[in-house]
Amino acid sequence: MENMTVNKLKSRQAVTGDAKAIHKLINKYAEKNKMLPRSLNEIYENIRDYLICTDNGAIIAVSSMHILWEDLAEIRSVSVSKKYQGRGIGKKLINRGLKEAKSIGVKKVFALTYQPDYFKILGFEDIDKNDLPHKIWGDCLKCPKFPDCNEVAVIKNLEV
């Protein structure tokens, strides 16, 4: 297992049958306050946003790219099963999301994260949350941590 390379793992667009496994993986980290939780309903409603990575059919990683506006998207819910961490799987999923965002005309992608250094390795930069459009606050209002959230906002310009 340790010698497995990222290239041997399969990544693909999520389908509705993946939602429960995605929910379980994301919320395992949310319970440890490493990310925000997602409801199963929210995952089903946004299933087209999710990319997954599998090993022998089991979902071992997930990332979501959610379009918010004409030129703005958000990377959400990046989760990698513990025994698969440190192999670049999360970065591979994020980069795939960034490539898709650019291909459909998105100019900037941001993330709200507890792990800003992880995103900075991929070229994201710090941004003040208040500099993001008000449209993003819709999700924040539904969050149990609002208004006392300590997530950090990072952004990447895709036009460069």
N, C-alpha and C. Protein backbone atom coordinates (compact mmCIF):
# COMPACT_ATOMS: atom_id res chain seq x y z
N MET A 1 0.83 -1.20 0.00
CA MET A 1 0.00 0.00 0.00
C MET A 1 0.87 1.26 0.00
N GLU A 2 1.97 1.27 0.76
CA GLU A 2 2.79 2.47 0.85
C GLU A 2 3.40 2.87 -0.48
N ASN A 3 3.67 1.89 -1.35
CA ASN A 3 4.32 2.18 -2.61
C ASN A 3 3.36 2.63 -3.71
N MET A 4 2.08 2.64 -3.41
CA MET A 4 1.10 3.02 -4.43
C MET A 4 1.30 4.48 -4.83
N THR A 5 1.33 4.73 -6.12
CA THR A 5 1.48 6.09 -6.61
C THR A 5 0.12 6.70 -6.87
N VAL A 6 0.08 8.02 -6.89
CA VAL A 6 -1.15 8.74 -7.16
C VAL A 6 -1.69 8.37 -8.53
N ASN A 7 -0.82 8.15 -9.49
CA ASN A 7 -1.25 7.86 -10.86
C ASN A 7 -2.03 6.56 -10.97
N LYS A 8 -1.83 5.63 -10.07
CA LYS A 8 -2.55 4.35 -10.11
C LYS A 8 -3.97 4.48 -9.54
N LEU A 9 -4.22 5.52 -8.79
CA LEU A 9 -5.54 5.74 -8.22
C LEU A 9 -6.42 6.39 -9.27
N LYS A 10 -7.70 6.13 -9.23
CA LYS A 10 -8.62 6.66 -10.22
C LYS A 10 -9.39 7.85 -9.64
N SER A 11 -9.46 8.93 -10.41
CA SER A 11 -10.29 10.05 -10.01
C SER A 11 -11.39 10.21 -11.06
N ARG A 12 -12.54 10.66 -10.59
CA ARG A 12 -13.68 10.82 -11.49
C ARG A 12 -14.70 11.77 -10.87
N GLN A 13 -15.65 12.16 -11.71
CA GLN A 13 -16.78 12.96 -11.25
C GLN A 13 -17.64 12.07 -10.34
N ALA A 14 -18.13 12.62 -9.26
CA ALA A 14 -18.99 11.87 -8.35
C ALA A 14 -20.36 11.65 -8.97
N VAL A 15 -21.02 10.59 -8.55
CA VAL A 15 -22.40 10.30 -8.94
C VAL A 15 -23.23 10.16 -7.66
N THR A 16 -24.53 10.17 -7.81
CA THR A 16 -25.40 10.16 -6.63
C THR A 16 -25.13 8.97 -5.71
N GLY A 17 -24.73 7.84 -6.27
CA GLY A 17 -24.41 6.68 -5.44
C GLY A 17 -23.20 6.86 -4.55
N ASP A 18 -22.42 7.91 -4.79
CA ASP A 18 -21.23 8.20 -3.97
C ASP A 18 -21.54 9.09 -2.77
N ALA A 19 -22.71 9.69 -2.74
CA ALA A 19 -23.01 10.74 -1.76
C ALA A 19 -22.81 10.30 -0.31
N LYS A 20 -23.25 9.11 0.05
CA LYS A 20 -23.14 8.69 1.46
C LYS A 20 -21.68 8.51 1.86
N ALA A 21 -20.85 7.96 0.97
CA ALA A 21 -19.43 7.80 1.29
C ALA A 21 -18.73 9.16 1.35
N ILE A 22 -19.11 10.09 0.47
CA ILE A 22 -18.56 11.45 0.50
C ILE A 22 -18.93 12.11 1.83
N HIS A 23 -20.18 11.99 2.20
CA HIS A 23 -20.69 12.55 3.46
C HIS A 23 -19.88 12.02 4.65
N LYS A 24 -19.67 10.73 4.67
CA LYS A 24 -18.93 10.10 5.78
C LYS A 24 -17.49 10.61 5.84
N LEU A 25 -16.82 10.70 4.70
CA LEU A 25 -15.42 11.15 4.67
C LEU A 25 -15.30 12.60 5.12
N ILE A 26 -16.12 13.48 4.57
CA ILE A 26 -16.06 14.90 4.94
C ILE A 26 -16.36 15.09 6.42
N ASN A 27 -17.41 14.46 6.90
CA ASN A 27 -17.84 14.72 8.27
C ASN A 27 -16.95 14.05 9.31
N LYS A 28 -16.15 13.07 8.90
CA LYS A 28 -15.16 12.50 9.83
C LYS A 28 -14.16 13.59 10.22
N TYR A 29 -13.76 14.42 9.25
CA TYR A 29 -12.83 15.52 9.53
C TYR A 29 -13.55 16.70 10.19
N ALA A 30 -14.79 16.91 9.84
CA ALA A 30 -15.57 17.99 10.47
C ALA A 30 -15.72 17.73 11.97
N GLU A 31 -15.90 16.47 12.36
CA GLU A 31 -16.02 16.12 13.78
C GLU A 31 -14.75 16.47 14.55
N LYS A 32 -13.63 16.51 13.86
CA LYS A 32 -12.34 16.85 14.48
C LYS A 32 -12.01 18.34 14.31
N ASN A 33 -12.99 19.13 13.84
CA ASN A 33 -12.84 20.57 13.61
C ASN A 33 -11.74 20.90 12.61
N LYS A 34 -11.55 20.02 11.63
CA LYS A 34 -10.56 20.27 10.59
C LYS A 34 -11.20 20.84 9.33
N MET A 35 -12.52 20.79 9.27
CA MET A 35 -13.27 21.37 8.15
C MET A 35 -14.72 21.52 8.58
N LEU A 36 -15.49 22.17 7.74
CA LEU A 36 -16.90 22.35 8.05
C LEU A 36 -17.70 21.13 7.61
N PRO A 37 -18.75 20.80 8.35
CA PRO A 37 -19.57 19.66 7.97
C PRO A 37 -20.41 19.97 6.74
N ARG A 38 -20.84 18.93 6.06
CA ARG A 38 -21.78 19.03 4.94
C ARG A 38 -22.91 18.05 5.21
N SER A 39 -24.14 18.50 5.00
CA SER A 39 -25.27 17.60 5.17
C SER A 39 -25.37 16.68 3.96
N LEU A 40 -25.98 15.54 4.14
CA LEU A 40 -26.17 14.62 3.04
C LEU A 40 -27.03 15.27 1.95
N ASN A 41 -28.02 16.02 2.35
CA ASN A 41 -28.86 16.74 1.40
C ASN A 41 -28.04 17.72 0.56
N GLU A 42 -27.14 18.46 1.20
CA GLU A 42 -26.30 19.41 0.48
C GLU A 42 -25.39 18.70 -0.52
N ILE A 43 -24.88 17.54 -0.14
CA ILE A 43 -24.03 16.78 -1.06
C ILE A 43 -24.83 16.31 -2.27
N TYR A 44 -26.03 15.78 -2.04
CA TYR A 44 -26.87 15.37 -3.18
C TYR A 44 -27.19 16.56 -4.09
N GLU A 45 -27.55 17.69 -3.50
CA GLU A 45 -27.91 18.86 -4.30
C GLU A 45 -26.74 19.38 -5.14
N ASN A 46 -25.53 19.14 -4.69
CA ASN A 46 -24.34 19.65 -5.37
C ASN A 46 -23.44 18.53 -5.89
N ILE A 47 -23.98 17.36 -6.14
CA ILE A 47 -23.17 16.20 -6.51
C ILE A 47 -22.31 16.48 -7.74
N ARG A 48 -22.78 17.33 -8.65
CA ARG A 48 -22.00 17.64 -9.85
C ARG A 48 -20.72 18.41 -9.53
N ASP A 49 -20.64 19.00 -8.35
CA ASP A 49 -19.46 19.76 -7.95
C ASP A 49 -18.32 18.87 -7.48
N TYR A 50 -18.63 17.64 -7.11
CA TYR A 50 -17.66 16.78 -6.44
C TYR A 50 -16.83 15.93 -7.38
N LEU A 51 -15.53 15.89 -7.09
CA LEU A 51 -14.60 14.96 -7.71
C LEU A 51 -14.18 13.99 -6.61
N ILE A 52 -14.01 12.73 -6.98
CA ILE A 52 -13.57 11.76 -5.99
C ILE A 52 -12.37 10.99 -6.53
N CYS A 53 -11.64 10.40 -5.62
CA CYS A 53 -10.54 9.51 -5.96
C CYS A 53 -10.87 8.18 -5.29
N THR A 54 -10.70 7.10 -6.05
CA THR A 54 -11.02 5.77 -5.53
C THR A 54 -9.82 4.85 -5.59
N ASP A 55 -9.84 3.88 -4.71
CA ASP A 55 -8.87 2.79 -4.72
C ASP A 55 -9.68 1.51 -4.60
N ASN A 56 -9.63 0.67 -5.61
CA ASN A 56 -10.42 -0.56 -5.64
C ASN A 56 -11.90 -0.29 -5.37
N GLY A 57 -12.41 0.81 -5.92
CA GLY A 57 -13.82 1.15 -5.81
C GLY A 57 -14.20 1.93 -4.56
N ALA A 58 -13.33 1.99 -3.58
CA ALA A 58 -13.63 2.71 -2.34
C ALA A 58 -13.21 4.18 -2.48
N ILE A 59 -14.07 5.09 -2.04
CA ILE A 59 -13.75 6.52 -2.09
C ILE A 59 -12.74 6.83 -1.00
N ILE A 60 -11.58 7.35 -1.44
CA ILE A 60 -10.50 7.65 -0.49
C ILE A 60 -10.20 9.14 -0.41
N ALA A 61 -10.78 9.92 -1.34
CA ALA A 61 -10.56 11.37 -1.33
C ALA A 61 -11.67 12.07 -2.08
N VAL A 62 -11.89 13.33 -1.70
CA VAL A 62 -12.95 14.11 -2.32
C VAL A 62 -12.55 15.59 -2.34
N SER A 63 -13.05 16.29 -3.33
CA SER A 63 -12.90 17.74 -3.42
C SER A 63 -14.11 18.25 -4.20
N SER A 64 -14.48 19.48 -3.93
CA SER A 64 -15.62 20.07 -4.61
C SER A 64 -15.23 21.42 -5.19
N MET A 65 -15.73 21.72 -6.38
CA MET A 65 -15.53 23.03 -6.99
C MET A 65 -16.92 23.58 -7.29
N HIS A 66 -17.29 24.63 -6.57
CA HIS A 66 -18.63 25.20 -6.64
C HIS A 66 -18.60 26.57 -7.30
N ILE A 67 -19.35 26.72 -8.39
CA ILE A 67 -19.44 28.00 -9.09
C ILE A 67 -20.34 28.94 -8.30
N LEU A 68 -19.87 30.16 -8.07
CA LEU A 68 -20.65 31.14 -7.32
C LEU A 68 -21.12 32.30 -8.18
N TRP A 69 -20.37 32.62 -9.20
CA TRP A 69 -20.70 33.78 -10.02
C TRP A 69 -20.00 33.63 -11.35
N GLU A 70 -20.20 34.59 -12.22
CA GLU A 70 -19.64 34.54 -13.57
C GLU A 70 -18.15 34.23 -13.58
N ASP A 71 -17.42 34.82 -12.66
CA ASP A 71 -15.96 34.68 -12.68
C ASP A 71 -15.38 34.15 -11.38
N LEU A 72 -16.22 33.53 -10.53
CA LEU A 72 -15.76 33.14 -9.20
C LEU A 72 -16.28 31.75 -8.82
N ALA A 73 -15.36 30.93 -8.32
CA ALA A 73 -15.72 29.60 -7.82
C ALA A 73 -15.02 29.36 -6.50
N GLU A 74 -15.49 28.35 -5.78
CA GLU A 74 -14.91 28.00 -4.49
C GLU A 74 -14.52 26.52 -4.48
N ILE A 75 -13.33 26.24 -3.99
CA ILE A 75 -12.92 24.86 -3.72
C ILE A 75 -13.39 24.56 -2.30
N ARG A 76 -14.10 23.44 -2.16
CA ARG A 76 -14.69 23.07 -0.87
C ARG A 76 -14.38 21.61 -0.53
N SER A 77 -14.46 21.32 0.75
CA SER A 77 -14.53 19.95 1.25
C SER A 77 -13.41 19.03 0.76
N VAL A 78 -12.19 19.52 0.74
CA VAL A 78 -11.07 18.68 0.35
C VAL A 78 -10.75 17.73 1.51
N SER A 79 -10.92 16.43 1.25
CA SER A 79 -10.71 15.42 2.29
C SER A 79 -10.01 14.22 1.69
N VAL A 80 -9.01 13.73 2.39
CA VAL A 80 -8.29 12.53 1.98
C VAL A 80 -8.24 11.58 3.17
N SER A 81 -8.63 10.33 2.95
CA SER A 81 -8.55 9.33 4.03
C SER A 81 -7.15 9.31 4.63
N LYS A 82 -7.10 9.15 5.93
CA LYS A 82 -5.83 9.28 6.66
C LYS A 82 -4.72 8.42 6.06
N LYS A 83 -5.00 7.17 5.74
CA LYS A 83 -3.91 6.30 5.28
C LYS A 83 -3.43 6.64 3.87
N TYR A 84 -4.11 7.57 3.19
CA TYR A 84 -3.70 7.98 1.84
C TYR A 84 -3.11 9.39 1.82
N GLN A 85 -3.01 10.03 2.97
CA GLN A 85 -2.50 11.39 3.02
C GLN A 85 -1.00 11.43 2.72
N GLY A 86 -0.54 12.58 2.24
CA GLY A 86 0.87 12.78 1.97
C GLY A 86 1.32 12.26 0.61
N ARG A 87 0.39 11.91 -0.24
CA ARG A 87 0.72 11.37 -1.57
C ARG A 87 0.32 12.31 -2.71
N GLY A 88 -0.19 13.50 -2.36
CA GLY A 88 -0.57 14.47 -3.40
C GLY A 88 -1.96 14.26 -3.97
N ILE A 89 -2.75 13.42 -3.36
CA ILE A 89 -4.09 13.12 -3.88
C ILE A 89 -5.00 14.33 -3.79
N GLY A 90 -5.00 15.00 -2.65
CA GLY A 90 -5.82 16.21 -2.50
C GLY A 90 -5.42 17.28 -3.49
N LYS A 91 -4.12 17.46 -3.65
CA LYS A 91 -3.62 18.46 -4.61
C LYS A 91 -4.04 18.10 -6.03
N LYS A 92 -4.01 16.82 -6.36
CA LYS A 92 -4.43 16.37 -7.69
C LYS A 92 -5.91 16.72 -7.93
N LEU A 93 -6.75 16.49 -6.94
CA LEU A 93 -8.17 16.82 -7.09
C LEU A 93 -8.38 18.32 -7.19
N ILE A 94 -7.67 19.10 -6.37
CA ILE A 94 -7.79 20.56 -6.44
C ILE A 94 -7.35 21.06 -7.81
N ASN A 95 -6.22 20.57 -8.29
CA ASN A 95 -5.73 21.00 -9.60
C ASN A 95 -6.70 20.64 -10.72
N ARG A 96 -7.34 19.49 -10.60
CA ARG A 96 -8.34 19.12 -11.60
C ARG A 96 -9.52 20.09 -11.56
N GLY A 97 -9.94 20.48 -10.35
CA GLY A 97 -11.01 21.46 -10.21
C GLY A 97 -10.62 22.82 -10.77
N LEU A 98 -9.37 23.23 -10.53
CA LEU A 98 -8.88 24.51 -11.06
C LEU A 98 -8.85 24.50 -12.59
N LYS A 99 -8.43 23.39 -13.15
CA LYS A 99 -8.38 23.26 -14.61
C LYS A 99 -9.79 23.35 -15.20
N GLU A 100 -10.73 22.69 -14.55
CA GLU A 100 -12.12 22.76 -15.01
C GLU A 100 -12.66 24.18 -14.89
N ALA A 101 -12.38 24.83 -13.77
CA ALA A 101 -12.85 26.20 -13.56
C ALA A 101 -12.35 27.11 -14.67
N LYS A 102 -11.06 27.01 -14.97
CA LYS A 102 -10.47 27.85 -16.01
C LYS A 102 -11.11 27.54 -17.37
N SER A 103 -11.37 26.26 -17.64
CA SER A 103 -11.93 25.88 -18.95
C SER A 103 -13.34 26.41 -19.17
N ILE A 104 -14.06 26.71 -18.10
CA ILE A 104 -15.43 27.24 -18.25
C ILE A 104 -15.51 28.75 -18.03
N GLY A 105 -14.34 29.41 -17.90
CA GLY A 105 -14.32 30.86 -17.86
C GLY A 105 -14.22 31.49 -16.49
N VAL A 106 -14.04 30.67 -15.45
CA VAL A 106 -13.86 31.23 -14.11
C VAL A 106 -12.48 31.87 -14.03
N LYS A 107 -12.43 33.07 -13.46
CA LYS A 107 -11.17 33.80 -13.38
C LYS A 107 -10.49 33.71 -12.02
N LYS A 108 -11.28 33.46 -10.96
CA LYS A 108 -10.72 33.38 -9.61
C LYS A 108 -11.39 32.24 -8.86
N VAL A 109 -10.57 31.53 -8.09
CA VAL A 109 -11.08 30.45 -7.25
C VAL A 109 -10.58 30.71 -5.83
N PHE A 110 -11.48 30.62 -4.88
CA PHE A 110 -11.09 30.83 -3.48
C PHE A 110 -11.44 29.59 -2.67
N ALA A 111 -10.91 29.58 -1.46
CA ALA A 111 -11.26 28.55 -0.49
C ALA A 111 -11.31 29.20 0.88
N LEU A 112 -12.20 28.72 1.70
CA LEU A 112 -12.23 29.08 3.11
C LEU A 112 -11.74 27.83 3.83
N THR A 113 -10.65 27.96 4.56
CA THR A 113 -9.97 26.77 5.05
C THR A 113 -9.34 26.97 6.42
N TYR A 114 -9.14 25.86 7.10
CA TYR A 114 -8.35 25.85 8.33
C TYR A 114 -6.90 25.48 8.01
N GLN A 115 -6.62 25.18 6.75
CA GLN A 115 -5.29 24.75 6.31
C GLN A 115 -4.77 25.65 5.17
N PRO A 116 -4.61 26.96 5.41
CA PRO A 116 -4.22 27.85 4.31
C PRO A 116 -2.88 27.51 3.67
N ASP A 117 -1.93 26.99 4.44
CA ASP A 117 -0.62 26.68 3.87
C ASP A 117 -0.71 25.58 2.81
N TYR A 118 -1.64 24.68 2.98
CA TYR A 118 -1.87 23.61 1.98
C TYR A 118 -2.24 24.23 0.63
N PHE A 119 -3.11 25.22 0.66
CA PHE A 119 -3.54 25.88 -0.57
C PHE A 119 -2.45 26.79 -1.14
N LYS A 120 -1.66 27.39 -0.27
CA LYS A 120 -0.60 28.29 -0.74
C LYS A 120 0.44 27.54 -1.57
N ILE A 121 0.65 26.27 -1.28
CA ILE A 121 1.56 25.44 -2.09
C ILE A 121 1.07 25.38 -3.54
N LEU A 122 -0.23 25.50 -3.73
CA LEU A 122 -0.84 25.43 -5.06
C LEU A 122 -1.03 26.81 -5.69
N GLY A 123 -0.44 27.85 -5.09
CA GLY A 123 -0.50 29.18 -5.68
C GLY A 123 -1.61 30.07 -5.17
N PHE A 124 -2.33 29.66 -4.16
CA PHE A 124 -3.35 30.52 -3.56
C PHE A 124 -2.66 31.54 -2.67
N GLU A 125 -3.31 32.68 -2.48
CA GLU A 125 -2.79 33.75 -1.63
C GLU A 125 -3.86 34.15 -0.63
N ASP A 126 -3.41 34.67 0.51
CA ASP A 126 -4.35 35.15 1.53
C ASP A 126 -5.21 36.28 0.97
N ILE A 127 -6.45 36.32 1.42
CA ILE A 127 -7.36 37.42 1.10
C ILE A 127 -8.25 37.63 2.32
N ASP A 128 -8.63 38.85 2.56
CA ASP A 128 -9.56 39.14 3.65
C ASP A 128 -10.94 38.63 3.25
N LYS A 129 -11.57 37.87 4.12
CA LYS A 129 -12.91 37.34 3.82
C LYS A 129 -13.87 38.44 3.41
N ASN A 130 -13.70 39.62 3.99
CA ASN A 130 -14.60 40.73 3.68
C ASN A 130 -14.44 41.25 2.26
N ASP A 131 -13.34 40.87 1.60
CA ASP A 131 -13.12 41.28 0.21
C ASP A 131 -13.82 40.35 -0.79
N LEU A 132 -14.35 39.25 -0.29
CA LEU A 132 -15.11 38.34 -1.15
C LEU A 132 -16.54 38.86 -1.30
N PRO A 133 -17.19 38.56 -2.41
CA PRO A 133 -18.55 39.06 -2.62
C PRO A 133 -19.53 38.56 -1.56
N HIS A 134 -20.53 39.34 -1.30
CA HIS A 134 -21.53 38.98 -0.29
C HIS A 134 -22.24 37.67 -0.62
N LYS A 135 -22.27 37.30 -1.88
CA LYS A 135 -22.93 36.07 -2.29
C LYS A 135 -22.40 34.85 -1.54
N ILE A 136 -21.12 34.85 -1.17
CA ILE A 136 -20.56 33.69 -0.49
C ILE A 136 -21.10 33.53 0.93
N TRP A 137 -21.62 34.58 1.49
CA TRP A 137 -22.06 34.53 2.88
C TRP A 137 -23.35 33.74 3.08
N GLY A 138 -24.03 33.38 2.00
CA GLY A 138 -25.24 32.56 2.11
C GLY A 138 -24.96 31.26 2.83
N ASP A 139 -23.88 30.59 2.46
CA ASP A 139 -23.50 29.35 3.12
C ASP A 139 -23.07 29.61 4.56
N CYS A 140 -22.39 30.71 4.77
CA CYS A 140 -21.92 31.03 6.12
C CYS A 140 -23.09 31.20 7.09
N LEU A 141 -24.15 31.80 6.62
CA LEU A 141 -25.30 32.03 7.49
C LEU A 141 -25.93 30.72 7.96
N LYS A 142 -25.79 29.66 7.18
CA LYS A 142 -26.35 28.35 7.54
C LYS A 142 -25.40 27.53 8.41
N CYS A 143 -24.18 28.00 8.57
CA CYS A 143 -23.15 27.22 9.26
C CYS A 143 -23.30 27.34 10.79
N PRO A 144 -23.13 26.23 11.50
CA PRO A 144 -23.23 26.28 12.96
C PRO A 144 -22.12 27.11 13.61
N LYS A 145 -21.04 27.38 12.90
CA LYS A 145 -19.93 28.17 13.46
C LYS A 145 -20.09 29.67 13.22
N PHE A 146 -21.08 30.07 12.44
CA PHE A 146 -21.29 31.49 12.16
C PHE A 146 -21.84 32.18 13.39
N PRO A 147 -21.36 33.36 13.76
CA PRO A 147 -20.40 34.22 13.09
C PRO A 147 -18.98 34.08 13.63
N ASP A 148 -18.73 33.05 14.43
CA ASP A 148 -17.43 32.91 15.09
C ASP A 148 -16.52 31.91 14.38
N CYS A 149 -16.51 31.97 13.09
CA CYS A 149 -15.69 31.05 12.29
C CYS A 149 -14.27 31.59 12.19
N ASN A 150 -13.31 30.68 12.28
CA ASN A 150 -11.93 31.12 12.15
C ASN A 150 -11.27 30.55 10.89
N GLU A 151 -12.07 30.27 9.87
CA GLU A 151 -11.50 29.84 8.61
C GLU A 151 -10.74 31.01 7.97
N VAL A 152 -9.72 30.68 7.21
CA VAL A 152 -8.91 31.66 6.51
C VAL A 152 -9.31 31.63 5.04
N ALA A 153 -9.42 32.80 4.44
CA ALA A 153 -9.75 32.88 3.01
C ALA A 153 -8.47 32.96 2.20
N VAL A 154 -8.42 32.14 1.14
CA VAL A 154 -7.31 32.17 0.20
C VAL A 154 -7.91 32.21 -1.21
N ILE A 155 -7.18 32.77 -2.15
CA ILE A 155 -7.70 32.94 -3.51
C ILE A 155 -6.59 32.71 -4.52
N LYS A 156 -6.99 32.23 -5.69
CA LYS A 156 -6.05 32.04 -6.80
C LYS A 156 -6.63 32.67 -8.05
N ASN A 157 -5.81 33.51 -8.70
CA ASN A 157 -6.20 34.14 -9.95
C ASN A 157 -5.82 33.18 -11.09
N LEU A 158 -6.79 32.78 -11.88
CA LEU A 158 -6.55 31.84 -12.97
C LEU A 158 -6.17 32.51 -14.27
N GLU A 159 -6.22 33.83 -14.31
CA GLU A 159 -5.92 34.57 -15.53
C GLU A 159 -4.43 34.71 -15.79
N VAL A 160 -3.62 34.46 -14.80
CA VAL A 160 -2.17 34.65 -14.92
C VAL A 160 -1.57 33.64 -15.87
